[in-house]
N, C-alpha and C. Protein backbone atom coordinates (compact mmCIF):
# COMPACT_ATOMS: atom_id res chain seq x y z
N MET A 1 -26.81 48.02 -92.71
CA MET A 1 -27.80 46.93 -93.65
C MET A 1 -28.07 47.30 -91.78
N ASN A 2 -29.98 47.41 -92.45
CA ASN A 2 -30.61 47.60 -91.16
C ASN A 2 -31.10 46.06 -90.88
N GLN A 3 -32.28 46.04 -89.72
CA GLN A 3 -32.56 44.83 -89.56
C GLN A 3 -33.81 44.07 -90.40
N THR A 4 -34.78 44.99 -91.02
CA THR A 4 -35.35 44.08 -91.45
C THR A 4 -34.81 43.52 -92.93
N SER A 5 -33.20 44.17 -93.42
CA SER A 5 -32.60 43.53 -94.10
C SER A 5 -31.81 42.28 -93.94
N ILE A 6 -31.21 42.28 -92.81
CA ILE A 6 -30.60 41.05 -92.04
C ILE A 6 -31.82 39.70 -91.88
N VAL A 7 -32.89 40.00 -91.58
CA VAL A 7 -33.88 39.14 -91.15
C VAL A 7 -34.15 38.41 -92.76
N ALA A 8 -34.32 39.13 -93.46
CA ALA A 8 -34.74 39.05 -94.93
C ALA A 8 -33.85 38.04 -95.81
N LEU A 9 -32.06 38.47 -95.22
CA LEU A 9 -31.06 37.48 -95.55
C LEU A 9 -31.55 36.23 -95.03
N ILE A 10 -31.72 36.38 -93.63
CA ILE A 10 -31.63 35.08 -92.63
C ILE A 10 -33.32 34.03 -93.51
N ASP A 11 -34.24 35.01 -93.59
CA ASP A 11 -35.24 34.00 -94.04
C ASP A 11 -34.69 33.48 -95.61
N GLY A 12 -34.19 34.22 -96.37
CA GLY A 12 -33.79 33.54 -97.62
C GLY A 12 -32.92 32.16 -97.39
N ALA A 13 -31.69 32.63 -96.66
CA ALA A 13 -31.02 31.57 -96.46
C ALA A 13 -31.96 30.27 -95.27
N LEU A 14 -32.86 30.40 -94.75
CA LEU A 14 -33.46 29.43 -94.02
C LEU A 14 -34.60 28.59 -95.20
N GLY A 15 -34.88 29.34 -96.87
CA GLY A 15 -35.72 28.41 -96.99
C GLY A 15 -34.82 27.90 -98.10
N ARG A 16 -33.67 28.45 -98.56
CA ARG A 16 -32.87 27.49 -99.13
C ARG A 16 -32.51 26.43 -98.46
N TYR A 17 -31.94 26.05 -97.34
CA TYR A 17 -31.45 25.34 -96.55
C TYR A 17 -32.36 24.21 -96.13
N ALA A 18 -33.51 24.85 -95.91
CA ALA A 18 -35.00 23.89 -94.94
C ALA A 18 -35.05 22.71 -95.86
N ALA A 19 -34.78 22.45 -96.94
CA ALA A 19 -35.63 21.00 -97.91
C ALA A 19 -34.40 20.47 -97.93
N ARG A 20 -33.04 21.01 -97.90
CA ARG A 20 -32.17 19.94 -97.25
C ARG A 20 -31.92 19.03 -96.47
N ASP A 21 -31.17 17.57 -96.54
CA ASP A 21 -30.94 16.64 -95.37
C ASP A 21 -29.56 17.00 -95.31
N LEU A 22 -28.46 17.69 -95.80
CA LEU A 22 -27.05 17.71 -95.64
C LEU A 22 -26.76 19.10 -96.77
N ILE A 23 -26.27 19.81 -95.49
CA ILE A 23 -25.31 21.14 -95.83
C ILE A 23 -23.97 21.20 -95.90
N ALA A 24 -23.32 21.71 -97.12
CA ALA A 24 -22.06 21.64 -97.01
C ALA A 24 -21.29 22.27 -96.03
N GLY A 25 -20.45 22.45 -95.50
CA GLY A 25 -19.66 23.24 -94.28
C GLY A 25 -19.55 23.98 -94.90
N HIS A 26 -18.92 24.59 -96.28
CA HIS A 26 -18.58 25.90 -97.19
C HIS A 26 -20.12 27.03 -96.94
N GLU A 27 -21.32 26.13 -97.38
CA GLU A 27 -22.09 26.80 -97.81
C GLU A 27 -22.52 27.96 -96.31
N VAL A 28 -22.46 26.74 -95.16
CA VAL A 28 -22.74 27.78 -94.35
C VAL A 28 -21.93 28.97 -93.42
N VAL A 29 -20.80 28.40 -93.90
CA VAL A 29 -19.61 29.46 -93.15
C VAL A 29 -19.93 30.80 -94.32
N ASP A 30 -20.41 30.69 -95.59
CA ASP A 30 -20.31 31.45 -96.53
C ASP A 30 -21.80 32.57 -95.62
N PHE A 31 -22.90 31.57 -95.95
CA PHE A 31 -23.89 32.51 -95.03
C PHE A 31 -23.34 33.11 -93.41
N LEU A 32 -22.77 32.36 -92.84
CA LEU A 32 -22.29 33.04 -91.39
C LEU A 32 -21.58 34.65 -92.22
N LEU A 33 -20.43 34.27 -92.79
CA LEU A 33 -19.82 35.55 -93.66
C LEU A 33 -20.87 36.71 -94.07
N ASP A 34 -21.36 36.04 -94.39
CA ASP A 34 -22.44 37.23 -95.13
C ASP A 34 -23.50 37.68 -93.80
N LEU A 35 -23.74 37.27 -93.13
CA LEU A 35 -24.90 37.93 -91.50
C LEU A 35 -23.59 38.49 -90.97
N ARG A 36 -22.07 38.72 -91.03
CA ARG A 36 -21.51 39.28 -90.27
C ARG A 36 -21.12 40.41 -91.41
N LEU A 37 -20.75 40.19 -92.56
CA LEU A 37 -20.92 41.69 -93.55
C LEU A 37 -22.16 42.31 -93.12
N ALA A 38 -23.17 42.14 -93.15
CA ALA A 38 -24.37 42.78 -92.71
C ALA A 38 -24.66 43.21 -91.89
N VAL A 39 -23.61 43.04 -90.60
CA VAL A 39 -23.99 43.36 -89.23
C VAL A 39 -22.90 44.59 -89.21
N PHE A 40 -21.86 44.88 -89.73
CA PHE A 40 -21.05 44.92 -89.43
C PHE A 40 -20.93 46.48 -89.71
N ASP A 41 -20.37 47.64 -88.33
CA ASP A 41 -20.61 48.74 -88.92
C ASP A 41 -19.42 49.25 -89.73
N ASP A 42 -19.93 49.97 -90.65
CA ASP A 42 -18.75 50.14 -91.91
C ASP A 42 -18.90 51.70 -91.61
N SER A 43 -19.38 52.63 -90.89
CA SER A 43 -19.16 53.73 -90.05
C SER A 43 -17.41 54.14 -90.10
N GLU A 44 -16.22 53.67 -89.61
CA GLU A 44 -15.65 53.80 -89.38
C GLU A 44 -14.40 53.69 -91.03
N LEU A 45 -14.11 52.42 -91.32
CA LEU A 45 -13.78 52.23 -92.66
C LEU A 45 -14.22 53.36 -93.54
N ARG A 46 -15.80 54.04 -93.34
CA ARG A 46 -16.19 54.93 -94.39
C ARG A 46 -15.03 56.65 -93.94
N GLU A 47 -15.20 56.46 -92.68
CA GLU A 47 -14.18 57.78 -92.62
C GLU A 47 -12.86 57.55 -93.24
N LEU A 48 -11.87 56.29 -92.49
CA LEU A 48 -11.40 56.20 -93.12
C LEU A 48 -10.59 56.26 -94.22
N LEU A 49 -11.67 55.75 -95.48
CA LEU A 49 -11.75 56.30 -96.66
C LEU A 49 -11.66 57.60 -96.77
N GLU A 50 -12.72 58.48 -96.64
CA GLU A 50 -12.79 59.91 -96.49
C GLU A 50 -11.46 60.60 -96.22
N GLN A 51 -11.21 60.52 -95.20
CA GLN A 51 -9.78 61.05 -95.52
C GLN A 51 -8.76 60.84 -96.14
N GLU A 52 -8.32 59.68 -96.67
CA GLU A 52 -7.47 58.72 -97.46
C GLU A 52 -8.05 59.61 -98.83
N THR A 53 -9.26 60.17 -99.57
CA THR A 53 -9.22 60.56 -100.77
C THR A 53 -9.70 61.96 -100.50
N ALA A 54 -9.33 62.96 -99.13
CA ALA A 54 -9.16 63.96 -99.28
C ALA A 54 -7.74 64.92 -99.55
N PRO A 55 -7.99 65.83 -100.66
CA PRO A 55 -6.66 66.56 -100.53
C PRO A 55 -6.05 66.88 -99.23
N SER A 56 -4.82 66.63 -99.64
CA SER A 56 -3.81 67.36 -98.26
C SER A 56 -3.21 68.07 -98.78
N ALA A 57 -3.11 68.69 -97.56
CA ALA A 57 -2.45 70.50 -98.07
C ALA A 57 -0.98 70.72 -97.54
């Protein structure tokens, strides 16, 4: 995910949470997990998946 997408994700959450007085902890955790996944470099995972799906000799 690129930087623009991450900023859009944060801006969306700011819009959702800004008007609230109380925010449930699970909602904050869900958002933080979304952010973590957004910045996760999945190139290693893709490489592993490619190795696993490659035909063996």
